[in-house]
Amino acid sequence: MDHAPLITRILQGDNHAYAELVRAYQHMVYTVCHRVLRNAQDAEEATQDAFVKAYQHLAGFGGSAKFSTWLYSIAYRTAISHGRKRRQDTLSVDELAHHPSTEYRDEIRHADLKHHLDRALATLSTEDASILSFFYLEEMSVEEIVTVTGLGASNVKVKLHRGRKKLLDVLNTELGPEARELLLDHA
């Protein structure tokens, strides 16, 4: 999506245009912050701060990277900064959205998968959990993850490989043989 016209409107003082941008990205920015902070209240604070920082530095966005990558980089670094200030290791379980069109059994399986994945991700380092989330949930390329995290490409690849192994080990320990089946059912 080309955000240039929207960014131009924002830079010209159109607050409605900025509200559009926030609506388009607030879920993912919150998700990035929550993966790092693992606490809903802290993630909300970091999300707000990230959007304020993005607004303040919007004129400096040069378009050399995708806008989403630039914004997620701000969110990631803001969350890291909040985490350093808070030093909390509290895990908050996300509420699951209710989808009336989904069968009850599928909702239970989805809730079960989400619960186990959240618990497994919580055992990983903040950096590893974030990288896995970027790659698998947000479908970012290695290059985009490099831009967001500031790590080298080879480091990101190693962390992806090791993170997948750790995640599967945790899920195997917790779920036994059901882990692979549960993951494959929802892949």
N, C-alpha and C. Protein backbone atom coordinates (compact mmCIF):
# COMPACT_ATOMS: atom_id res chain seq x y z
N MET A 1 0.84 -1.18 0.00
CA MET A 1 0.00 0.00 0.00
C MET A 1 0.88 1.24 0.00
N ASP A 2 0.60 2.16 -0.86
CA ASP A 2 1.36 3.40 -0.96
C ASP A 2 0.81 4.40 0.05
N HIS A 3 1.64 4.71 1.03
CA HIS A 3 1.22 5.62 2.09
C HIS A 3 1.65 7.06 1.82
N ALA A 4 2.33 7.30 0.72
CA ALA A 4 2.84 8.65 0.43
C ALA A 4 1.75 9.72 0.47
N PRO A 5 0.59 9.52 -0.19
CA PRO A 5 -0.45 10.56 -0.12
C PRO A 5 -0.96 10.79 1.31
N LEU A 6 -1.10 9.70 2.05
CA LEU A 6 -1.58 9.80 3.44
C LEU A 6 -0.55 10.53 4.30
N ILE A 7 0.71 10.21 4.11
CA ILE A 7 1.77 10.87 4.87
C ILE A 7 1.84 12.35 4.53
N THR A 8 1.67 12.67 3.27
CA THR A 8 1.66 14.08 2.85
C THR A 8 0.52 14.83 3.55
N ARG A 9 -0.67 14.21 3.58
CA ARG A 9 -1.81 14.85 4.27
C ARG A 9 -1.52 15.04 5.76
N ILE A 10 -0.89 14.06 6.37
CA ILE A 10 -0.56 14.16 7.80
C ILE A 10 0.42 15.30 8.03
N LEU A 11 1.45 15.37 7.20
CA LEU A 11 2.46 16.41 7.35
C LEU A 11 1.89 17.81 7.10
N GLN A 12 0.77 17.86 6.37
CA GLN A 12 0.09 19.14 6.14
C GLN A 12 -0.91 19.45 7.25
N GLY A 13 -0.96 18.60 8.29
CA GLY A 13 -1.79 18.88 9.46
C GLY A 13 -3.14 18.19 9.47
N ASP A 14 -3.38 17.24 8.59
CA ASP A 14 -4.66 16.52 8.55
C ASP A 14 -4.68 15.43 9.62
N ASN A 15 -5.33 15.73 10.75
CA ASN A 15 -5.40 14.77 11.86
C ASN A 15 -6.22 13.54 11.52
N HIS A 16 -7.19 13.68 10.63
CA HIS A 16 -8.00 12.53 10.22
C HIS A 16 -7.14 11.51 9.47
N ALA A 17 -6.19 12.00 8.71
CA ALA A 17 -5.29 11.11 7.97
C ALA A 17 -4.43 10.31 8.95
N TYR A 18 -3.98 10.97 10.02
CA TYR A 18 -3.17 10.24 11.01
C TYR A 18 -4.03 9.21 11.73
N ALA A 19 -5.27 9.54 12.00
CA ALA A 19 -6.18 8.58 12.63
C ALA A 19 -6.36 7.35 11.74
N GLU A 20 -6.40 7.55 10.42
CA GLU A 20 -6.49 6.43 9.47
C GLU A 20 -5.27 5.53 9.59
N LEU A 21 -4.12 6.16 9.67
CA LEU A 21 -2.87 5.41 9.77
C LEU A 21 -2.83 4.61 11.07
N VAL A 22 -3.24 5.23 12.15
CA VAL A 22 -3.26 4.55 13.45
C VAL A 22 -4.20 3.35 13.39
N ARG A 23 -5.40 3.55 12.84
CA ARG A 23 -6.36 2.44 12.74
C ARG A 23 -5.80 1.29 11.92
N ALA A 24 -5.09 1.61 10.87
CA ALA A 24 -4.54 0.58 9.99
C ALA A 24 -3.46 -0.25 10.67
N TYR A 25 -2.72 0.34 11.58
CA TYR A 25 -1.56 -0.34 12.17
C TYR A 25 -1.63 -0.59 13.67
N GLN A 26 -2.66 -0.14 14.34
CA GLN A 26 -2.66 -0.23 15.80
C GLN A 26 -2.62 -1.67 16.30
N HIS A 27 -3.28 -2.58 15.62
CA HIS A 27 -3.27 -3.97 16.08
C HIS A 27 -1.87 -4.56 16.02
N MET A 28 -1.19 -4.35 14.91
CA MET A 28 0.14 -4.93 14.78
C MET A 28 1.15 -4.25 15.68
N VAL A 29 1.06 -2.95 15.82
CA VAL A 29 1.97 -2.24 16.72
C VAL A 29 1.76 -2.74 18.15
N TYR A 30 0.51 -2.92 18.54
CA TYR A 30 0.22 -3.46 19.86
C TYR A 30 0.80 -4.88 19.98
N THR A 31 0.64 -5.69 18.96
CA THR A 31 1.14 -7.06 18.98
C THR A 31 2.66 -7.08 19.14
N VAL A 32 3.35 -6.22 18.42
CA VAL A 32 4.80 -6.12 18.55
C VAL A 32 5.17 -5.75 19.99
N CYS A 33 4.51 -4.75 20.52
CA CYS A 33 4.80 -4.30 21.89
C CYS A 33 4.46 -5.38 22.92
N HIS A 34 3.36 -6.07 22.70
CA HIS A 34 2.96 -7.11 23.65
C HIS A 34 3.91 -8.29 23.62
N ARG A 35 4.42 -8.65 22.45
CA ARG A 35 5.39 -9.75 22.35
C ARG A 35 6.64 -9.44 23.15
N VAL A 36 7.04 -8.18 23.15
CA VAL A 36 8.24 -7.78 23.88
C VAL A 36 7.96 -7.65 25.37
N LEU A 37 6.87 -6.99 25.71
CA LEU A 37 6.60 -6.65 27.11
C LEU A 37 5.83 -7.72 27.88
N ARG A 38 5.02 -8.50 27.15
CA ARG A 38 4.26 -9.60 27.74
C ARG A 38 3.33 -9.14 28.85
N ASN A 39 2.82 -7.94 28.69
CA ASN A 39 1.90 -7.37 29.66
C ASN A 39 0.99 -6.39 28.90
N ALA A 40 -0.31 -6.59 29.01
CA ALA A 40 -1.26 -5.81 28.22
C ALA A 40 -1.18 -4.31 28.51
N GLN A 41 -1.13 -3.95 29.77
CA GLN A 41 -1.11 -2.53 30.13
C GLN A 41 0.17 -1.86 29.64
N ASP A 42 1.30 -2.51 29.83
CA ASP A 42 2.56 -1.96 29.34
C ASP A 42 2.58 -1.87 27.82
N ALA A 43 2.00 -2.88 27.16
CA ALA A 43 1.94 -2.89 25.70
C ALA A 43 1.09 -1.73 25.18
N GLU A 44 -0.01 -1.45 25.87
CA GLU A 44 -0.86 -0.32 25.46
C GLU A 44 -0.10 1.00 25.58
N GLU A 45 0.63 1.16 26.69
CA GLU A 45 1.44 2.37 26.89
C GLU A 45 2.49 2.51 25.80
N ALA A 46 3.20 1.41 25.54
CA ALA A 46 4.26 1.43 24.53
C ALA A 46 3.68 1.69 23.14
N THR A 47 2.50 1.14 22.88
CA THR A 47 1.84 1.37 21.58
C THR A 47 1.56 2.85 21.39
N GLN A 48 1.00 3.47 22.42
CA GLN A 48 0.72 4.91 22.33
C GLN A 48 2.01 5.71 22.13
N ASP A 49 3.04 5.35 22.89
CA ASP A 49 4.32 6.05 22.76
C ASP A 49 4.92 5.86 21.37
N ALA A 50 4.78 4.66 20.83
CA ALA A 50 5.32 4.38 19.49
C ALA A 50 4.62 5.24 18.43
N PHE A 51 3.31 5.39 18.54
CA PHE A 51 2.60 6.22 17.58
C PHE A 51 2.95 7.70 17.73
N VAL A 52 3.19 8.13 18.96
CA VAL A 52 3.62 9.51 19.17
C VAL A 52 5.00 9.73 18.54
N LYS A 53 5.91 8.78 18.77
CA LYS A 53 7.25 8.89 18.17
C LYS A 53 7.17 8.87 16.64
N ALA A 54 6.33 7.99 16.11
CA ALA A 54 6.18 7.91 14.65
C ALA A 54 5.68 9.24 14.11
N TYR A 55 4.71 9.84 14.79
CA TYR A 55 4.17 11.13 14.36
C TYR A 55 5.25 12.20 14.39
N GLN A 56 6.02 12.21 15.47
CA GLN A 56 7.06 13.22 15.63
C GLN A 56 8.17 13.09 14.58
N HIS A 57 8.39 11.86 14.10
CA HIS A 57 9.49 11.62 13.16
C HIS A 57 9.00 11.31 11.75
N LEU A 58 7.74 11.52 11.50
CA LEU A 58 7.16 11.19 10.20
C LEU A 58 7.83 11.94 9.05
N ALA A 59 8.20 13.16 9.29
CA ALA A 59 8.86 13.94 8.24
C ALA A 59 10.19 13.30 7.83
N GLY A 60 10.78 12.52 8.75
CA GLY A 60 12.05 11.87 8.47
C GLY A 60 11.92 10.53 7.77
N PHE A 61 10.69 10.06 7.60
CA PHE A 61 10.50 8.79 6.89
C PHE A 61 10.82 9.01 5.43
N GLY A 62 11.87 8.36 4.97
CA GLY A 62 12.34 8.60 3.62
C GLY A 62 11.78 7.66 2.57
N GLY A 63 11.13 6.61 2.98
CA GLY A 63 10.57 5.69 2.02
C GLY A 63 11.56 4.66 1.52
N SER A 64 12.75 4.57 2.13
CA SER A 64 13.73 3.57 1.68
C SER A 64 13.30 2.17 2.10
N ALA A 65 12.51 2.06 3.15
CA ALA A 65 11.93 0.79 3.59
C ALA A 65 10.41 0.91 3.49
N LYS A 66 9.74 -0.22 3.64
CA LYS A 66 8.28 -0.16 3.67
C LYS A 66 7.86 0.62 4.91
N PHE A 67 6.76 1.34 4.80
CA PHE A 67 6.28 2.13 5.94
C PHE A 67 6.04 1.22 7.15
N SER A 68 5.42 0.06 6.92
CA SER A 68 5.13 -0.85 8.03
C SER A 68 6.40 -1.27 8.74
N THR A 69 7.45 -1.54 8.00
CA THR A 69 8.72 -1.94 8.60
C THR A 69 9.29 -0.80 9.45
N TRP A 70 9.22 0.41 8.93
CA TRP A 70 9.69 1.59 9.67
C TRP A 70 8.90 1.75 10.98
N LEU A 71 7.58 1.61 10.89
CA LEU A 71 6.72 1.76 12.06
C LEU A 71 6.96 0.64 13.08
N TYR A 72 7.08 -0.61 12.60
CA TYR A 72 7.31 -1.73 13.51
C TYR A 72 8.67 -1.61 14.19
N SER A 73 9.63 -1.02 13.51
CA SER A 73 10.93 -0.80 14.11
C SER A 73 10.82 0.18 15.28
N ILE A 74 10.05 1.23 15.09
CA ILE A 74 9.81 2.19 16.17
C ILE A 74 9.10 1.48 17.32
N ALA A 75 8.08 0.68 17.01
CA ALA A 75 7.32 -0.03 18.05
C ALA A 75 8.22 -0.99 18.82
N TYR A 76 9.04 -1.74 18.11
CA TYR A 76 9.93 -2.71 18.75
C TYR A 76 10.91 -2.01 19.69
N ARG A 77 11.52 -0.96 19.22
CA ARG A 77 12.51 -0.25 20.04
C ARG A 77 11.85 0.47 21.23
N THR A 78 10.64 0.97 21.02
CA THR A 78 9.90 1.61 22.11
C THR A 78 9.56 0.58 23.18
N ALA A 79 9.13 -0.59 22.76
CA ALA A 79 8.79 -1.66 23.71
C ALA A 79 10.02 -2.13 24.48
N ILE A 80 11.14 -2.27 23.78
CA ILE A 80 12.40 -2.65 24.44
C ILE A 80 12.74 -1.62 25.51
N SER A 81 12.59 -0.35 25.16
CA SER A 81 12.88 0.72 26.10
C SER A 81 11.95 0.66 27.31
N HIS A 82 10.66 0.43 27.07
CA HIS A 82 9.71 0.29 28.18
C HIS A 82 10.07 -0.91 29.05
N GLY A 83 10.48 -2.00 28.41
CA GLY A 83 10.84 -3.21 29.16
C GLY A 83 12.03 -2.98 30.06
N ARG A 84 12.98 -2.20 29.59
CA ARG A 84 14.15 -1.90 30.41
C ARG A 84 13.75 -1.09 31.63
N LYS A 85 12.77 -0.20 31.43
CA LYS A 85 12.31 0.63 32.54
C LYS A 85 11.51 -0.19 33.55
N ARG A 86 10.71 -1.09 33.08
CA ARG A 86 9.80 -1.84 33.95
C ARG A 86 10.41 -3.08 34.57
N ARG A 87 11.19 -3.83 33.78
CA ARG A 87 11.79 -5.08 34.22
C ARG A 87 10.76 -6.03 34.84
N GLN A 88 9.62 -6.14 34.17
CA GLN A 88 8.59 -7.05 34.66
C GLN A 88 8.59 -8.30 33.80
N ASP A 89 8.42 -9.43 34.43
CA ASP A 89 8.34 -10.69 33.70
C ASP A 89 6.95 -11.28 33.78
N THR A 90 5.96 -10.42 33.96
CA THR A 90 4.59 -10.89 34.09
C THR A 90 4.03 -11.22 32.73
N LEU A 91 3.46 -12.40 32.62
CA LEU A 91 2.84 -12.82 31.36
C LEU A 91 1.35 -12.56 31.44
N SER A 92 0.84 -11.85 30.47
CA SER A 92 -0.58 -11.59 30.40
C SER A 92 -1.17 -12.41 29.26
N VAL A 93 -2.23 -13.16 29.53
CA VAL A 93 -2.85 -13.95 28.49
C VAL A 93 -3.84 -13.07 27.74
N ASP A 94 -3.71 -13.02 26.42
CA ASP A 94 -4.62 -12.22 25.59
C ASP A 94 -6.01 -12.82 25.64
N GLU A 95 -7.01 -11.94 25.56
CA GLU A 95 -8.37 -12.43 25.42
C GLU A 95 -8.56 -12.85 23.98
N LEU A 96 -9.27 -13.94 23.81
CA LEU A 96 -9.53 -14.42 22.46
C LEU A 96 -10.77 -13.74 21.91
N ALA A 97 -10.70 -13.35 20.67
CA ALA A 97 -11.86 -12.75 20.01
C ALA A 97 -12.89 -13.84 19.75
N HIS A 98 -14.15 -13.51 19.93
CA HIS A 98 -15.23 -14.47 19.69
C HIS A 98 -15.70 -14.32 18.25
N HIS A 99 -15.67 -15.42 17.52
CA HIS A 99 -16.10 -15.43 16.13
C HIS A 99 -17.37 -16.25 16.03
N PRO A 100 -18.54 -15.60 15.97
CA PRO A 100 -19.80 -16.33 15.98
C PRO A 100 -19.96 -17.32 14.84
N SER A 101 -19.31 -17.09 13.71
CA SER A 101 -19.47 -17.98 12.57
C SER A 101 -18.63 -19.25 12.72
N THR A 102 -17.71 -19.29 13.67
CA THR A 102 -16.84 -20.44 13.87
C THR A 102 -17.52 -21.45 14.79
N GLU A 103 -17.37 -22.72 14.46
CA GLU A 103 -17.97 -23.76 15.30
C GLU A 103 -17.29 -23.77 16.66
N TYR A 104 -18.04 -24.18 17.68
CA TYR A 104 -17.54 -24.18 19.05
C TYR A 104 -16.27 -25.01 19.18
N ARG A 105 -16.23 -26.18 18.57
CA ARG A 105 -15.06 -27.05 18.67
C ARG A 105 -13.82 -26.38 18.09
N ASP A 106 -13.98 -25.69 16.98
CA ASP A 106 -12.84 -24.99 16.38
C ASP A 106 -12.37 -23.86 17.29
N GLU A 107 -13.30 -23.19 17.95
CA GLU A 107 -12.93 -22.13 18.89
C GLU A 107 -12.11 -22.69 20.03
N ILE A 108 -12.52 -23.84 20.55
CA ILE A 108 -11.79 -24.46 21.65
C ILE A 108 -10.39 -24.85 21.20
N ARG A 109 -10.27 -25.45 20.02
CA ARG A 109 -8.96 -25.85 19.51
C ARG A 109 -8.07 -24.62 19.26
N HIS A 110 -8.67 -23.55 18.71
CA HIS A 110 -7.91 -22.32 18.48
C HIS A 110 -7.46 -21.73 19.81
N ALA A 111 -8.34 -21.69 20.79
CA ALA A 111 -7.99 -21.17 22.11
C ALA A 111 -6.89 -22.00 22.73
N ASP A 112 -6.99 -23.31 22.56
CA ASP A 112 -5.99 -24.22 23.11
C ASP A 112 -4.64 -23.97 22.44
N LEU A 113 -4.62 -23.86 21.14
CA LEU A 113 -3.39 -23.60 20.41
C LEU A 113 -2.80 -22.27 20.83
N LYS A 114 -3.61 -21.23 20.87
CA LYS A 114 -3.13 -19.90 21.24
C LYS A 114 -2.56 -19.91 22.65
N HIS A 115 -3.24 -20.58 23.55
CA HIS A 115 -2.77 -20.67 24.93
C HIS A 115 -1.39 -21.34 24.99
N HIS A 116 -1.25 -22.47 24.31
CA HIS A 116 0.01 -23.20 24.33
C HIS A 116 1.12 -22.43 23.62
N LEU A 117 0.80 -21.79 22.51
CA LEU A 117 1.80 -20.99 21.81
C LEU A 117 2.25 -19.79 22.64
N ASP A 118 1.29 -19.11 23.28
CA ASP A 118 1.65 -17.97 24.13
C ASP A 118 2.55 -18.42 25.28
N ARG A 119 2.22 -19.55 25.89
CA ARG A 119 3.05 -20.08 26.99
C ARG A 119 4.42 -20.46 26.50
N ALA A 120 4.48 -21.10 25.33
CA ALA A 120 5.76 -21.52 24.78
C ALA A 120 6.60 -20.30 24.39
N LEU A 121 5.98 -19.31 23.75
CA LEU A 121 6.70 -18.09 23.38
C LEU A 121 7.22 -17.35 24.61
N ALA A 122 6.46 -17.42 25.70
CA ALA A 122 6.86 -16.73 26.93
C ALA A 122 8.12 -17.34 27.54
N THR A 123 8.42 -18.59 27.20
CA THR A 123 9.63 -19.22 27.73
C THR A 123 10.87 -18.79 26.95
N LEU A 124 10.66 -18.25 25.77
CA LEU A 124 11.79 -17.79 24.94
C LEU A 124 12.21 -16.39 25.37
N SER A 125 13.39 -16.02 24.97
CA SER A 125 13.82 -14.65 25.24
C SER A 125 12.90 -13.70 24.48
N THR A 126 12.83 -12.47 24.94
CA THR A 126 12.01 -11.46 24.28
C THR A 126 12.39 -11.33 22.81
N GLU A 127 13.66 -11.32 22.55
CA GLU A 127 14.14 -11.15 21.19
C GLU A 127 13.74 -12.34 20.30
N ASP A 128 13.92 -13.56 20.81
CA ASP A 128 13.56 -14.75 20.03
C ASP A 128 12.05 -14.81 19.77
N ALA A 129 11.26 -14.52 20.78
CA ALA A 129 9.80 -14.54 20.62
C ALA A 129 9.36 -13.48 19.60
N SER A 130 9.97 -12.32 19.65
CA SER A 130 9.63 -11.25 18.71
C SER A 130 10.00 -11.64 17.28
N ILE A 131 11.17 -12.21 17.11
CA ILE A 131 11.62 -12.59 15.77
C ILE A 131 10.71 -13.67 15.19
N LEU A 132 10.35 -14.67 15.99
CA LEU A 132 9.43 -15.71 15.51
C LEU A 132 8.07 -15.11 15.16
N SER A 133 7.59 -14.19 15.96
CA SER A 133 6.30 -13.54 15.69
C SER A 133 6.36 -12.72 14.40
N PHE A 134 7.43 -11.98 14.22
CA PHE A 134 7.58 -11.19 13.00
C PHE A 134 7.57 -12.10 11.77
N PHE A 135 8.33 -13.18 11.85
CA PHE A 135 8.50 -14.04 10.68
C PHE A 135 7.24 -14.84 10.37
N TYR A 136 6.66 -15.46 11.39
CA TYR A 136 5.53 -16.36 11.15
C TYR A 136 4.17 -15.69 11.22
N LEU A 137 3.98 -14.81 12.16
CA LEU A 137 2.66 -14.19 12.32
C LEU A 137 2.49 -12.99 11.41
N GLU A 138 3.54 -12.21 11.24
CA GLU A 138 3.44 -11.02 10.41
C GLU A 138 4.03 -11.23 9.02
N GLU A 139 4.59 -12.41 8.80
CA GLU A 139 5.13 -12.80 7.50
C GLU A 139 6.15 -11.79 6.97
N MET A 140 6.98 -11.30 7.88
CA MET A 140 8.05 -10.38 7.49
C MET A 140 9.20 -11.20 6.92
N SER A 141 9.92 -10.61 5.99
CA SER A 141 11.12 -11.25 5.45
C SER A 141 12.27 -11.07 6.45
N VAL A 142 13.33 -11.82 6.24
CA VAL A 142 14.50 -11.69 7.10
C VAL A 142 15.03 -10.26 7.01
N GLU A 143 15.03 -9.69 5.82
CA GLU A 143 15.53 -8.33 5.64
C GLU A 143 14.69 -7.32 6.43
N GLU A 144 13.38 -7.52 6.45
CA GLU A 144 12.52 -6.61 7.21
C GLU A 144 12.77 -6.77 8.70
N ILE A 145 13.00 -8.00 9.16
CA ILE A 145 13.29 -8.23 10.58
C ILE A 145 14.62 -7.58 10.95
N VAL A 146 15.59 -7.64 10.04
CA VAL A 146 16.88 -6.96 10.26
C VAL A 146 16.65 -5.47 10.47
N THR A 147 15.80 -4.87 9.64
CA THR A 147 15.51 -3.44 9.75
C THR A 147 14.82 -3.12 11.08
N VAL A 148 13.87 -3.96 11.46
CA VAL A 148 13.11 -3.71 12.69
C VAL A 148 13.98 -3.88 13.93
N THR A 149 14.77 -4.96 13.98
CA THR A 149 15.52 -5.28 15.20
C THR A 149 16.91 -4.69 15.26
N GLY A 150 17.48 -4.38 14.09
CA GLY A 150 18.84 -3.88 14.07
C GLY A 150 19.89 -4.99 14.14
N LEU A 151 19.46 -6.25 14.08
CA LEU A 151 20.38 -7.39 14.09
C LEU A 151 20.86 -7.66 12.67
N GLY A 152 21.93 -8.41 12.52
CA GLY A 152 22.41 -8.80 11.21
C GLY A 152 21.55 -9.93 10.64
N ALA A 153 21.57 -10.09 9.33
CA ALA A 153 20.76 -11.12 8.67
C ALA A 153 21.12 -12.52 9.14
N SER A 154 22.41 -12.81 9.27
CA SER A 154 22.81 -14.15 9.71
C SER A 154 22.36 -14.40 11.15
N ASN A 155 22.40 -13.37 11.99
CA ASN A 155 21.95 -13.49 13.37
C ASN A 155 20.45 -13.77 13.41
N VAL A 156 19.68 -13.08 12.58
CA VAL A 156 18.22 -13.31 12.52
C VAL A 156 17.94 -14.74 12.09
N LYS A 157 18.66 -15.22 11.07
CA LYS A 157 18.45 -16.59 10.59
C LYS A 157 18.77 -17.62 11.67
N VAL A 158 19.86 -17.40 12.39
CA VAL A 158 20.24 -18.31 13.48
C VAL A 158 19.18 -18.28 14.58
N LYS A 159 18.72 -17.08 14.93
CA LYS A 159 17.70 -16.96 15.97
C LYS A 159 16.39 -17.61 15.54
N LEU A 160 16.03 -17.50 14.26
CA LEU A 160 14.83 -18.17 13.76
C LEU A 160 14.98 -19.68 13.89
N HIS A 161 16.11 -20.20 13.48
CA HIS A 161 16.34 -21.64 13.54
C HIS A 161 16.31 -22.14 14.99
N ARG A 162 17.06 -21.48 15.84
CA ARG A 162 17.11 -21.90 17.25
C ARG A 162 15.77 -21.67 17.95
N GLY A 163 15.12 -20.57 17.61
CA GLY A 163 13.82 -20.26 18.22
C GLY A 163 12.77 -21.30 17.87
N ARG A 164 12.75 -21.73 16.60
CA ARG A 164 11.81 -22.78 16.19
C ARG A 164 12.06 -24.06 16.97
N LYS A 165 13.33 -24.42 17.11
CA LYS A 165 13.68 -25.64 17.84
C LYS A 165 13.25 -25.53 19.30
N LYS A 166 13.56 -24.41 19.93
CA LYS A 166 13.17 -24.21 21.33
C LYS A 166 11.66 -24.26 21.49
N LEU A 167 10.95 -23.59 20.57
CA LEU A 167 9.49 -23.56 20.63
C LEU A 167 8.92 -24.96 20.52
N LEU A 168 9.42 -25.74 19.58
CA LEU A 168 8.94 -27.11 19.41
C LEU A 168 9.28 -27.96 20.62
N ASP A 169 10.47 -27.76 21.19
CA ASP A 169 10.85 -28.51 22.40
C ASP A 169 9.90 -28.21 23.55
N VAL A 170 9.58 -26.94 23.74
CA VAL A 170 8.66 -26.56 24.82
C VAL A 170 7.28 -27.16 24.58
N LEU A 171 6.81 -27.06 23.33
CA LEU A 171 5.49 -27.61 23.01
C LEU A 171 5.48 -29.14 23.15
N ASN A 172 6.55 -29.81 22.75
CA ASN A 172 6.63 -31.26 22.91
C ASN A 172 6.62 -31.66 24.38
N THR A 173 7.33 -30.88 25.20
CA THR A 173 7.35 -31.17 26.64
C THR A 173 5.96 -30.98 27.24
N GLU A 174 5.31 -29.91 26.85
CA GLU A 174 4.00 -29.59 27.41
C GLU A 174 2.89 -30.49 26.86
N LEU A 175 2.93 -30.75 25.56
CA LEU A 175 1.82 -31.45 24.92
C LEU A 175 2.14 -32.87 24.48
N GLY A 176 3.42 -33.21 24.46
CA GLY A 176 3.79 -34.55 23.98
C GLY A 176 3.55 -34.65 22.48
N PRO A 177 3.12 -35.82 22.02
CA PRO A 177 2.94 -36.04 20.58
C PRO A 177 1.86 -35.15 19.96
N GLU A 178 1.00 -34.57 20.78
CA GLU A 178 -0.06 -33.70 20.26
C GLU A 178 0.49 -32.40 19.70
N ALA A 179 1.71 -32.02 20.11
CA ALA A 179 2.27 -30.71 19.72
C ALA A 179 2.33 -30.56 18.21
N ARG A 180 2.94 -31.52 17.55
CA ARG A 180 3.10 -31.42 16.11
C ARG A 180 1.75 -31.43 15.41
N GLU A 181 0.84 -32.28 15.89
CA GLU A 181 -0.51 -32.35 15.30
C GLU A 181 -1.26 -31.04 15.48
N LEU A 182 -1.15 -30.46 16.68
CA LEU A 182 -1.82 -29.20 16.97
C LEU A 182 -1.29 -28.09 16.07
N LEU A 183 0.03 -28.05 15.90
CA LEU A 183 0.63 -27.03 15.04
C LEU A 183 0.27 -27.24 13.58
N LEU A 184 0.29 -28.48 13.13
CA LEU A 184 -0.03 -28.78 11.74
C LEU A 184 -1.49 -28.49 11.43
N ASP A 185 -2.40 -28.73 12.37
CA ASP A 185 -3.81 -28.46 12.17
C ASP A 185 -4.08 -26.98 11.94
N HIS A 186 -3.22 -26.13 12.49
CA HIS A 186 -3.46 -24.68 12.41
C HIS A 186 -2.39 -23.96 11.60
N ALA A 187 -1.62 -24.68 10.85
CA ALA A 187 -0.56 -24.05 10.05
C ALA A 187 -1.15 -23.34 8.86
